[in-house]
Amino acid sequence: MEPESAREVVDGDITQTVCRMDLVEALSQEAVRQGKTVKVHLTIETGMGRIGVHPKDAAETAKKIAALPNVELEGIFSHFALADIPDKTFTKQQVKLFKDACDAIEAAGIHIPIKHIAESAAILEIPDVHFDMVRAGIIQYGLWPSDEVTRPIDLRPCMKFCARIVYIKTIQPGESVGYGRKFIAERETRIATLPVGYADGYIRAYAGGSVEVCGKRAPIAGRVCMDQFMIDVTDIPEAKLGDVCTLFGSDSLTADEIAGWANTINYEVVCLVSERVPRVYKG
């Protein structure tokens, strides 16, 4: 957040992460104005190199926060950089820095109720750093943080990305599909169009992949467009208008496979699905 967002944070009873005193001061002033108390969690930099107060400054920062009116220092946290690999040497160093910061704050007479550092990989593999709270991320999708983590629990993917066929046509040898004419038919070819594109989070890097329709794989034909892409259903004659295609999320077409097409990670695949894609939640 920035100071100008303080009103929204306090008004919405949002618990805010902080690592800059100007933000905490803005929250304090706004909380006083509204007659409320705002809760904050102090970020400690232990090796991620992203945001956070240096461990040696943690106690002094905590004292400054605790002295402000209408602010409750409810939590303190950090984030692992390498917890999803077998070698936990650097992770242990981060844990020590975090514990040192927590101990220094307690020694200064400030008790912080919620300490947290464990993300998905640490939830699975490092139970002694679960502290008061954990932050489940990718495992909430039923996906593993990496291929290197142990798998002590039964995870099942719970997100599926689907689209219906909205158009089907047959093209002749030599005719092309999509921008750049990257797909040119070598035979009489049946092409189906899906109303999904890179504006929905199904990115151009997935071209060369495939979708599932009628229980079979249909290769992507040409480049992915902004709002649509096409598939080759020549070898799936039963495919018809309205059929639901699975873009990812089945047992045989996973987010991990999609990530491989784009040389990325499963986190990015599921996070890329944009807000304009309707969500259907099933219990």
C-alpha atoms as a PDB file:
ATOM      1  CA  MET A   1       0.000   0.000   0.000  1.00  0.00           C
ATOM      2  CA  GLU A   2       0.861   3.684  -0.174  1.00  0.00           C
ATOM      3  CA  PRO A   3      -0.133   6.321   2.435  1.00  0.00           C
ATOM      4  CA  GLU A   4      -3.070   7.506   0.333  1.00  0.00           C
ATOM      5  CA  SER A   5      -4.622   4.030   0.686  1.00  0.00           C
ATOM      6  CA  ALA A   6      -4.823   4.267   4.485  1.00  0.00           C
ATOM      7  CA  ARG A   7      -8.473   5.291   4.503  1.00  0.00           C
ATOM      8  CA  GLU A   8      -9.518   2.250   2.485  1.00  0.00           C
ATOM      9  CA  VAL A   9      -7.450  -0.101   4.652  1.00  0.00           C
ATOM     10  CA  VAL A  10      -8.857   1.180   7.938  1.00  0.00           C
ATOM     11  CA  ASP A  11     -12.410   1.488   6.650  1.00  0.00           C
ATOM     12  CA  GLY A  12     -12.331  -2.103   5.394  1.00  0.00           C
ATOM     13  CA  ASP A  13     -10.834  -3.522   8.605  1.00  0.00           C
ATOM     14  CA  ILE A  14      -7.949  -4.869   6.552  1.00  0.00           C
ATOM     15  CA  THR A  15      -4.908  -6.300   8.309  1.00  0.00           C
ATOM     16  CA  GLN A  16      -1.986  -4.619   6.544  1.00  0.00           C
ATOM     17  CA  THR A  17       1.581  -5.836   6.067  1.00  0.00           C
ATOM     18  CA  VAL A  18       4.116  -3.063   6.681  1.00  0.00           C
ATOM     19  CA  CYS A  19       7.849  -2.399   6.458  1.00  0.00           C
ATOM     20  CA  ARG A  20       7.877   1.423   6.176  1.00  0.00           C
ATOM     21  CA  MET A  21       7.115   3.763   9.041  1.00  0.00           C
ATOM     22  CA  ASP A  22       5.462   6.356   6.806  1.00  0.00           C
ATOM     23  CA  LEU A  23       2.806   3.771   5.976  1.00  0.00           C
ATOM     24  CA  VAL A  24       2.260   2.847   9.613  1.00  0.00           C
ATOM     25  CA  GLU A  25       2.005   6.522  10.547  1.00  0.00           C
ATOM     26  CA  ALA A  26      -0.586   7.090   7.825  1.00  0.00           C
ATOM     27  CA  LEU A  27      -2.587   4.115   9.091  1.00  0.00           C
ATOM     28  CA  SER A  28      -2.365   5.410  12.651  1.00  0.00           C
ATOM     29  CA  GLN A  29      -3.627   8.855  11.686  1.00  0.00           C
ATOM     30  CA  GLU A  30      -6.508   7.404   9.706  1.00  0.00           C
ATOM     31  CA  ALA A  31      -7.428   4.948  12.467  1.00  0.00           C
ATOM     32  CA  VAL A  32      -7.541   7.817  14.971  1.00  0.00           C
ATOM     33  CA  ARG A  33      -9.747   9.791  12.584  1.00  0.00           C
ATOM     34  CA  GLN A  34     -12.160   6.885  12.209  1.00  0.00           C
ATOM     35  CA  GLY A  35     -12.039   5.911  15.873  1.00  0.00           C
ATOM     36  CA  LYS A  36     -10.835   2.398  15.048  1.00  0.00           C
ATOM     37  CA  THR A  37      -7.781   0.209  15.607  1.00  0.00           C
ATOM     38  CA  VAL A  38      -5.842  -1.058  12.608  1.00  0.00           C
ATOM     39  CA  LYS A  39      -3.883  -4.313  12.743  1.00  0.00           C
ATOM     40  CA  VAL A  40      -0.485  -4.607  11.058  1.00  0.00           C
ATOM     41  CA  HIS A  41       2.045  -7.376  10.418  1.00  0.00           C
ATOM     42  CA  LEU A  42       5.708  -6.349  10.274  1.00  0.00           C
ATOM     43  CA  THR A  43       7.749  -7.762   7.378  1.00  0.00           C
ATOM     44  CA  ILE A  44      11.286  -8.944   8.174  1.00  0.00           C
ATOM     45  CA  GLU A  45      13.877  -9.292   5.391  1.00  0.00           C
ATOM     46  CA  THR A  46      15.721 -12.569   5.932  1.00  0.00           C
ATOM     47  CA  GLY A  47      16.969 -13.386   2.445  1.00  0.00           C
ATOM     48  CA  MET A  48      14.189 -13.021  -0.098  1.00  0.00           C
ATOM     49  CA  GLY A  49      15.540  -9.600  -1.090  1.00  0.00           C
ATOM     50  CA  ARG A  50      12.089  -8.220  -1.773  1.00  0.00           C
ATOM     51  CA  ILE A  51      10.675  -6.101   1.036  1.00  0.00           C
ATOM     52  CA  GLY A  52      11.141  -6.001   4.774  1.00  0.00           C
ATOM     53  CA  VAL A  53      12.955  -4.517   7.750  1.00  0.00           C
ATOM     54  CA  HIS A  54      16.487  -5.784   8.396  1.00  0.00           C
ATOM     55  CA  PRO A  55      16.514  -8.147  11.415  1.00  0.00           C
ATOM     56  CA  LYS A  56      18.853  -5.844  13.363  1.00  0.00           C
ATOM     57  CA  ASP A  57      16.307  -3.033  13.005  1.00  0.00           C
ATOM     58  CA  ALA A  58      13.291  -5.170  13.897  1.00  0.00           C
ATOM     59  CA  ALA A  59      13.109  -4.333  17.612  1.00  0.00           C
ATOM     60  CA  GLU A  60      13.473  -0.583  17.102  1.00  0.00           C
ATOM     61  CA  THR A  61      10.858  -0.602  14.351  1.00  0.00           C
ATOM     62  CA  ALA A  62       8.484  -2.636  16.505  1.00  0.00           C
ATOM     63  CA  LYS A  63       8.881  -0.129  19.349  1.00  0.00           C
ATOM     64  CA  LYS A  64       8.040   2.752  17.028  1.00  0.00           C
ATOM     65  CA  ILE A  65       4.941   0.948  15.780  1.00  0.00           C
ATOM     66  CA  ALA A  66       3.830   0.024  19.295  1.00  0.00           C
ATOM     67  CA  ALA A  67       4.098   3.683  20.332  1.00  0.00           C
ATOM     68  CA  LEU A  68       1.626   4.863  17.695  1.00  0.00           C
ATOM     69  CA  PRO A  69      -2.018   5.336  18.678  1.00  0.00           C
ATOM     70  CA  ASN A  70      -4.728   3.040  17.322  1.00  0.00           C
ATOM     71  CA  VAL A  71      -2.264   0.572  15.782  1.00  0.00           C
ATOM     72  CA  GLU A  72      -2.016  -3.056  16.905  1.00  0.00           C
ATOM     73  CA  LEU A  73       1.176  -4.895  15.966  1.00  0.00           C
ATOM     74  CA  GLU A  74      -0.572  -8.224  15.570  1.00  0.00           C
ATOM     75  CA  GLY A  75       1.963 -10.145  13.509  1.00  0.00           C
ATOM     76  CA  ILE A  76       5.517 -10.509  12.271  1.00  0.00           C
ATOM     77  CA  PHE A  77       6.565 -12.524   9.239  1.00  0.00           C
ATOM     78  CA  SER A  78       9.130 -13.269   6.585  1.00  0.00           C
ATOM     79  CA  HIS A  79       9.282 -15.330   3.393  1.00  0.00           C
ATOM     80  CA  PHE A  80      11.487 -18.196   2.241  1.00  0.00           C
ATOM     81  CA  ALA A  81      13.479 -18.007  -0.974  1.00  0.00           C
ATOM     82  CA  LEU A  82      14.581 -21.651  -1.312  1.00  0.00           C
ATOM     83  CA  ALA A  83      12.281 -23.800   0.796  1.00  0.00           C
ATOM     84  CA  ASP A  84      11.134 -25.857  -2.202  1.00  0.00           C
ATOM     85  CA  ILE A  85      14.497 -27.572  -2.803  1.00  0.00           C
ATOM     86  CA  PRO A  86      16.078 -30.459  -0.834  1.00  0.00           C
ATOM     87  CA  ASP A  87      19.045 -28.421   0.453  1.00  0.00           C
ATOM     88  CA  LYS A  88      17.634 -26.429   3.358  1.00  0.00           C
ATOM     89  CA  THR A  89      20.893 -24.674   4.300  1.00  0.00           C
ATOM     90  CA  PHE A  90      19.790 -21.197   3.242  1.00  0.00           C
ATOM     91  CA  THR A  91      16.294 -21.780   4.599  1.00  0.00           C
ATOM     92  CA  LYS A  92      17.768 -22.572   8.018  1.00  0.00           C
ATOM     93  CA  GLN A  93      19.737 -19.322   7.863  1.00  0.00           C
ATOM     94  CA  GLN A  94      16.512 -17.454   7.165  1.00  0.00           C
ATOM     95  CA  VAL A  95      14.792 -19.175  10.088  1.00  0.00           C
ATOM     96  CA  LYS A  96      17.611 -18.115  12.424  1.00  0.00           C
ATOM     97  CA  LEU A  97      17.408 -14.489  11.293  1.00  0.00           C
ATOM     98  CA  PHE A  98      13.648 -14.522  11.753  1.00  0.00           C
ATOM     99  CA  LYS A  99      13.848 -16.057  15.222  1.00  0.00           C
ATOM    100  CA  ASP A 100      16.555 -13.569  16.207  1.00  0.00           C
ATOM    101  CA  ALA A 101      14.293 -10.704  15.141  1.00  0.00           C
ATOM    102  CA  CYS A 102      11.356 -12.157  17.074  1.00  0.00           C
ATOM    103  CA  ASP A 103      13.498 -12.672  20.178  1.00  0.00           C
ATOM    104  CA  ALA A 104      14.828  -9.100  20.003  1.00  0.00           C
ATOM    105  CA  ILE A 105      11.299  -7.730  19.830  1.00  0.00           C
ATOM    106  CA  GLU A 106      10.185  -9.862  22.784  1.00  0.00           C
ATOM    107  CA  ALA A 107      13.271  -8.717  24.721  1.00  0.00           C
ATOM    108  CA  ALA A 108      12.160  -5.142  24.103  1.00  0.00           C
ATOM    109  CA  GLY A 109       8.950  -5.942  25.975  1.00  0.00           C
ATOM    110  CA  ILE A 110       6.710  -6.226  22.925  1.00  0.00           C
ATOM    111  CA  HIS A 111       4.658  -9.382  22.487  1.00  0.00           C
ATOM    112  CA  ILE A 112       3.502 -10.160  18.968  1.00  0.00           C
ATOM    113  CA  PRO A 113       0.722 -12.790  18.914  1.00  0.00           C
ATOM    114  CA  ILE A 114       1.171 -14.116  15.376  1.00  0.00           C
ATOM    115  CA  LYS A 115       4.504 -15.178  13.918  1.00  0.00           C
ATOM    116  CA  HIS A 116       4.549 -16.737  10.451  1.00  0.00           C
ATOM    117  CA  ILE A 117       7.057 -17.710   7.786  1.00  0.00           C
ATOM    118  CA  ALA A 118       5.930 -21.062   6.349  1.00  0.00           C
ATOM    119  CA  GLU A 119       4.622 -21.137   2.783  1.00  0.00           C
ATOM    120  CA  SER A 120       3.496 -24.208   0.858  1.00  0.00           C
ATOM    121  CA  ALA A 121       6.871 -25.978   0.734  1.00  0.00           C
ATOM    122  CA  ALA A 122       7.568 -25.361   4.421  1.00  0.00           C
ATOM    123  CA  ILE A 123       4.056 -26.498   5.343  1.00  0.00           C
ATOM    124  CA  LEU A 124       4.862 -29.822   3.690  1.00  0.00           C
ATOM    125  CA  GLU A 125       8.448 -30.289   4.840  1.00  0.00           C
ATOM    126  CA  ILE A 126       9.396 -28.109   7.828  1.00  0.00           C
ATOM    127  CA  PRO A 127       6.793 -28.473  10.597  1.00  0.00           C
ATOM    128  CA  ASP A 128       8.975 -26.772  13.216  1.00  0.00           C
ATOM    129  CA  VAL A 129       8.609 -23.416  11.413  1.00  0.00           C
ATOM    130  CA  HIS A 130       4.814 -23.414  11.369  1.00  0.00           C
ATOM    131  CA  PHE A 131       4.808 -21.076  14.398  1.00  0.00           C
ATOM    132  CA  ASP A 132       1.376 -19.450  14.949  1.00  0.00           C
ATOM    133  CA  MET A 133       0.141 -19.412  11.359  1.00  0.00           C
ATOM    134  CA  VAL A 134       1.050 -20.755   7.924  1.00  0.00           C
ATOM    135  CA  ARG A 135       0.447 -19.336   4.457  1.00  0.00           C
ATOM    136  CA  ALA A 136      -0.806 -21.978   2.049  1.00  0.00           C
ATOM    137  CA  GLY A 137      -0.424 -20.779  -1.525  1.00  0.00           C
ATOM    138  CA  ILE A 138       0.015 -23.159  -4.441  1.00  0.00           C
ATOM    139  CA  ILE A 139      -1.076 -26.189  -2.406  1.00  0.00           C
ATOM    140  CA  GLN A 140      -4.531 -24.621  -2.093  1.00  0.00           C
ATOM    141  CA  TYR A 141      -4.828 -25.247  -5.838  1.00  0.00           C
ATOM    142  CA  GLY A 142      -3.851 -28.864  -5.206  1.00  0.00           C
ATOM    143  CA  LEU A 143      -0.499 -28.313  -6.912  1.00  0.00           C
ATOM    144  CA  TRP A 144       3.018 -29.032  -5.668  1.00  0.00           C
ATOM    145  CA  PRO A 145       5.472 -26.159  -5.041  1.00  0.00           C
ATOM    146  CA  SER A 146       8.132 -27.925  -7.107  1.00  0.00           C
ATOM    147  CA  ASP A 147       9.129 -31.348  -8.386  1.00  0.00           C
ATOM    148  CA  GLU A 148      11.700 -31.564  -5.590  1.00  0.00           C
ATOM    149  CA  VAL A 149       9.455 -31.369  -2.527  1.00  0.00           C
ATOM    150  CA  THR A 150       8.375 -34.489  -0.687  1.00  0.00           C
ATOM    151  CA  ARG A 151       4.701 -35.359  -0.983  1.00  0.00           C
ATOM    152  CA  PRO A 152       3.453 -36.286   2.490  1.00  0.00           C
ATOM    153  CA  ILE A 153      -0.192 -35.458   1.771  1.00  0.00           C
ATOM    154  CA  ASP A 154      -2.698 -36.301  -0.943  1.00  0.00           C
ATOM    155  CA  LEU A 155      -3.044 -33.216  -3.131  1.00  0.00           C
ATOM    156  CA  ARG A 156      -5.663 -33.095  -5.856  1.00  0.00           C
ATOM    157  CA  PRO A 157      -5.829 -30.262  -8.418  1.00  0.00           C
ATOM    158  CA  CYS A 158      -8.999 -28.271  -7.812  1.00  0.00           C
ATOM    159  CA  MET A 159      -8.873 -25.702 -10.629  1.00  0.00           C
ATOM    160  CA  LYS A 160     -10.007 -26.493 -14.157  1.00  0.00           C
ATOM    161  CA  PHE A 161      -9.985 -24.045 -17.073  1.00  0.00           C
ATOM    162  CA  CYS A 162     -12.592 -24.858 -19.729  1.00  0.00           C
ATOM    163  CA  ALA A 163     -14.109 -23.313 -22.856  1.00  0.00           C
ATOM    164  CA  ARG A 164     -16.786 -24.337 -25.339  1.00  0.00           C
ATOM    165  CA  ILE A 165     -16.344 -24.705 -29.081  1.00  0.00           C
ATOM    166  CA  VAL A 166     -18.110 -21.742 -30.713  1.00  0.00           C
ATOM    167  CA  TYR A 167     -17.273 -22.305 -34.372  1.00  0.00           C
ATOM    168  CA  ILE A 168     -16.175 -25.161 -36.632  1.00  0.00           C
ATOM    169  CA  LYS A 169     -15.081 -25.025 -40.246  1.00  0.00           C
ATOM    170  CA  THR A 170     -13.176 -27.121 -42.745  1.00  0.00           C
ATOM    171  CA  ILE A 171     -10.193 -25.692 -44.611  1.00  0.00           C
ATOM    172  CA  GLN A 172      -8.314 -27.035 -47.607  1.00  0.00           C
ATOM    173  CA  PRO A 173      -4.612 -27.825 -48.053  1.00  0.00           C
ATOM    174  CA  GLY A 174      -2.610 -24.607 -48.274  1.00  0.00           C
ATOM    175  CA  GLU A 175      -5.092 -22.509 -46.301  1.00  0.00           C
ATOM    176  CA  SER A 176      -3.855 -20.942 -43.080  1.00  0.00           C
ATOM    177  CA  VAL A 177      -5.092 -20.256 -39.567  1.00  0.00           C
ATOM    178  CA  GLY A 178      -4.298 -17.291 -37.322  1.00  0.00           C
ATOM    179  CA  TYR A 179      -1.848 -14.419 -37.199  1.00  0.00           C
ATOM    180  CA  GLY A 180       1.383 -14.885 -39.090  1.00  0.00           C
ATOM    181  CA  ARG A 181      -0.003 -17.892 -40.990  1.00  0.00           C
ATOM    182  CA  LYS A 182       1.909 -20.154 -38.607  1.00  0.00           C
ATOM    183  CA  PHE A 183      -0.519 -23.002 -39.268  1.00  0.00           C
ATOM    184  CA  ILE A 184      -0.941 -24.041 -42.893  1.00  0.00           C
ATOM    185  CA  ALA A 185      -3.114 -27.059 -43.604  1.00  0.00           C
ATOM    186  CA  GLU A 186      -1.384 -30.003 -45.241  1.00  0.00           C
ATOM    187  CA  ARG A 187      -4.657 -31.864 -45.666  1.00  0.00           C
ATOM    188  CA  GLU A 188      -8.361 -31.149 -45.486  1.00  0.00           C
ATOM    189  CA  THR A 189      -8.535 -29.925 -41.909  1.00  0.00           C
ATOM    190  CA  ARG A 190     -11.347 -29.372 -39.443  1.00  0.00           C
ATOM    191  CA  ILE A 191     -10.726 -26.297 -37.298  1.00  0.00           C
ATOM    192  CA  ALA A 192     -12.625 -25.403 -34.107  1.00  0.00           C
ATOM    193  CA  THR A 193     -12.534 -21.988 -32.449  1.00  0.00           C
ATOM    194  CA  LEU A 194     -12.557 -21.418 -28.673  1.00  0.00           C
ATOM    195  CA  PRO A 195     -13.511 -18.011 -27.175  1.00  0.00           C
ATOM    196  CA  VAL A 196     -10.382 -17.734 -25.028  1.00  0.00           C
ATOM    197  CA  GLY A 197      -7.117 -15.915 -25.618  1.00  0.00           C
ATOM    198  CA  TYR A 198      -4.157 -14.239 -24.006  1.00  0.00           C
ATOM    199  CA  ALA A 199      -6.399 -11.521 -22.533  1.00  0.00           C
ATOM    200  CA  ASP A 200      -7.944 -14.337 -20.494  1.00  0.00           C
ATOM    201  CA  GLY A 201      -4.552 -15.609 -19.379  1.00  0.00           C
ATOM    202  CA  TYR A 202      -4.208 -18.324 -22.000  1.00  0.00           C
ATOM    203  CA  ILE A 203      -1.005 -16.909 -23.397  1.00  0.00           C
ATOM    204  CA  ARG A 204       0.729 -17.099 -26.772  1.00  0.00           C
ATOM    205  CA  ALA A 205       3.488 -19.220 -25.267  1.00  0.00           C
ATOM    206  CA  TYR A 206       1.011 -22.108 -25.072  1.00  0.00           C
ATOM    207  CA  ALA A 207       0.850 -22.336 -28.879  1.00  0.00           C
ATOM    208  CA  GLY A 208       2.212 -25.720 -29.832  1.00  0.00           C
ATOM    209  CA  GLY A 209       0.260 -27.308 -27.008  1.00  0.00           C
ATOM    210  CA  SER A 210      -3.163 -28.907 -27.021  1.00  0.00           C
ATOM    211  CA  VAL A 211      -6.549 -29.075 -25.304  1.00  0.00           C
ATOM    212  CA  GLU A 212      -8.800 -31.975 -24.419  1.00  0.00           C
ATOM    213  CA  VAL A 213     -12.133 -32.447 -26.169  1.00  0.00           C
ATOM    214  CA  CYS A 214     -14.271 -35.583 -26.236  1.00  0.00           C
ATOM    215  CA  GLY A 215     -11.587 -37.292 -24.162  1.00  0.00           C
ATOM    216  CA  LYS A 216      -8.915 -36.732 -26.808  1.00  0.00           C
ATOM    217  CA  ARG A 217      -6.116 -34.236 -27.442  1.00  0.00           C
ATOM    218  CA  ALA A 218      -6.646 -31.555 -30.077  1.00  0.00           C
ATOM    219  CA  PRO A 219      -3.513 -29.565 -30.996  1.00  0.00           C
ATOM    220  CA  ILE A 220      -3.594 -25.773 -31.030  1.00  0.00           C
ATOM    221  CA  ALA A 221      -3.621 -24.497 -34.604  1.00  0.00           C
ATOM    222  CA  GLY A 222      -1.498 -21.395 -35.071  1.00  0.00           C
ATOM    223  CA  ARG A 223      -0.986 -18.555 -32.646  1.00  0.00           C
ATOM    224  CA  VAL A 224      -3.181 -17.792 -29.658  1.00  0.00           C
ATOM    225  CA  CYS A 225      -5.110 -14.555 -30.314  1.00  0.00           C
ATOM    226  CA  MET A 226      -6.240 -11.980 -27.753  1.00  0.00           C
ATOM    227  CA  ASP A 227      -9.760 -13.364 -27.365  1.00  0.00           C
ATOM    228  CA  GLN A 228      -9.752 -16.640 -29.278  1.00  0.00           C
ATOM    229  CA  PHE A 229      -7.623 -19.535 -30.401  1.00  0.00           C
ATOM    230  CA  MET A 230      -8.153 -22.398 -32.769  1.00  0.00           C
ATOM    231  CA  ILE A 231      -7.642 -26.138 -32.478  1.00  0.00           C
ATOM    232  CA  ASP A 232      -7.332 -28.923 -35.019  1.00  0.00           C
ATOM    233  CA  VAL A 233     -10.171 -31.435 -34.522  1.00  0.00           C
ATOM    234  CA  THR A 234      -9.696 -33.297 -37.794  1.00  0.00           C
ATOM    235  CA  ASP A 235      -8.969 -36.517 -35.927  1.00  0.00           C
ATOM    236  CA  ILE A 236     -11.858 -35.973 -33.511  1.00  0.00           C
ATOM    237  CA  PRO A 237     -14.865 -36.177 -35.860  1.00  0.00           C
ATOM    238  CA  GLU A 238     -17.305 -36.333 -32.957  1.00  0.00           C
ATOM    239  CA  ALA A 239     -16.297 -32.834 -31.761  1.00  0.00           C
ATOM    240  CA  LYS A 240     -19.176 -30.416 -32.277  1.00  0.00           C
ATOM    241  CA  LEU A 241     -20.391 -26.920 -31.473  1.00  0.00           C
ATOM    242  CA  GLY A 242     -20.896 -26.423 -27.747  1.00  0.00           C
ATOM    243  CA  ASP A 243     -18.543 -29.187 -26.676  1.00  0.00           C
ATOM    244  CA  VAL A 244     -16.553 -28.296 -23.575  1.00  0.00           C
ATOM    245  CA  CYS A 245     -12.783 -28.345 -23.993  1.00  0.00           C
ATOM    246  CA  THR A 246     -10.416 -28.640 -21.042  1.00  0.00           C
ATOM    247  CA  LEU A 247      -7.527 -26.198 -21.313  1.00  0.00           C
ATOM    248  CA  PHE A 248      -5.946 -27.470 -18.101  1.00  0.00           C
ATOM    249  CA  GLY A 249      -6.976 -29.094 -14.854  1.00  0.00           C
ATOM    250  CA  SER A 250      -7.773 -32.694 -15.750  1.00  0.00           C
ATOM    251  CA  ASP A 251      -5.731 -35.677 -14.593  1.00  0.00           C
ATOM    252  CA  SER A 252      -4.195 -35.946 -18.056  1.00  0.00           C
ATOM    253  CA  LEU A 253      -3.736 -32.244 -18.879  1.00  0.00           C
ATOM    254  CA  THR A 254      -2.288 -30.526 -15.840  1.00  0.00           C
ATOM    255  CA  ALA A 255      -1.154 -27.014 -15.030  1.00  0.00           C
ATOM    256  CA  ASP A 256       2.332 -28.474 -14.672  1.00  0.00           C
ATOM    257  CA  GLU A 257       2.285 -29.678 -18.276  1.00  0.00           C
ATOM    258  CA  ILE A 258       1.054 -26.278 -19.469  1.00  0.00           C
ATOM    259  CA  ALA A 259       3.862 -24.620 -17.507  1.00  0.00           C
ATOM    260  CA  GLY A 260       6.358 -26.773 -19.363  1.00  0.00           C
ATOM    261  CA  TRP A 261       5.113 -25.467 -22.723  1.00  0.00           C
ATOM    262  CA  ALA A 262       5.872 -21.914 -21.598  1.00  0.00           C
ATOM    263  CA  ASN A 263       9.062 -22.751 -19.684  1.00  0.00           C
ATOM    264  CA  THR A 264       7.532 -21.432 -16.477  1.00  0.00           C
ATOM    265  CA  ILE A 265       5.984 -22.745 -13.238  1.00  0.00           C
ATOM    266  CA  ASN A 266       2.508 -23.950 -12.321  1.00  0.00           C
ATOM    267  CA  TYR A 267       2.032 -20.873 -10.099  1.00  0.00           C
ATOM    268  CA  GLU A 268       2.122 -18.619 -13.150  1.00  0.00           C
ATOM    269  CA  VAL A 269      -0.322 -20.758 -15.127  1.00  0.00           C
ATOM    270  CA  VAL A 270      -3.080 -20.563 -12.522  1.00  0.00           C
ATOM    271  CA  CYS A 271      -2.405 -16.924 -11.609  1.00  0.00           C
ATOM    272  CA  LEU A 272      -2.542 -15.793 -15.235  1.00  0.00           C
ATOM    273  CA  VAL A 273      -6.230 -16.653 -15.624  1.00  0.00           C
ATOM    274  CA  SER A 274      -7.681 -13.162 -15.779  1.00  0.00           C
ATOM    275  CA  GLU A 275     -10.590 -11.576 -13.943  1.00  0.00           C
ATOM    276  CA  ARG A 276     -12.837 -11.614 -16.980  1.00  0.00           C
ATOM    277  CA  VAL A 277     -12.969 -15.419 -16.974  1.00  0.00           C
ATOM    278  CA  PRO A 278     -16.121 -16.479 -15.064  1.00  0.00           C
ATOM    279  CA  ARG A 279     -15.461 -18.619 -11.996  1.00  0.00           C
ATOM    280  CA  VAL A 280     -17.731 -21.517 -11.036  1.00  0.00           C
ATOM    281  CA  TYR A 281     -17.195 -22.851  -7.516  1.00  0.00           C
ATOM    282  CA  LYS A 282     -18.220 -26.419  -6.714  1.00  0.00           C
ATOM    283  CA  GLY A 283     -18.321 -27.993  -3.278  1.00  0.00           C
END
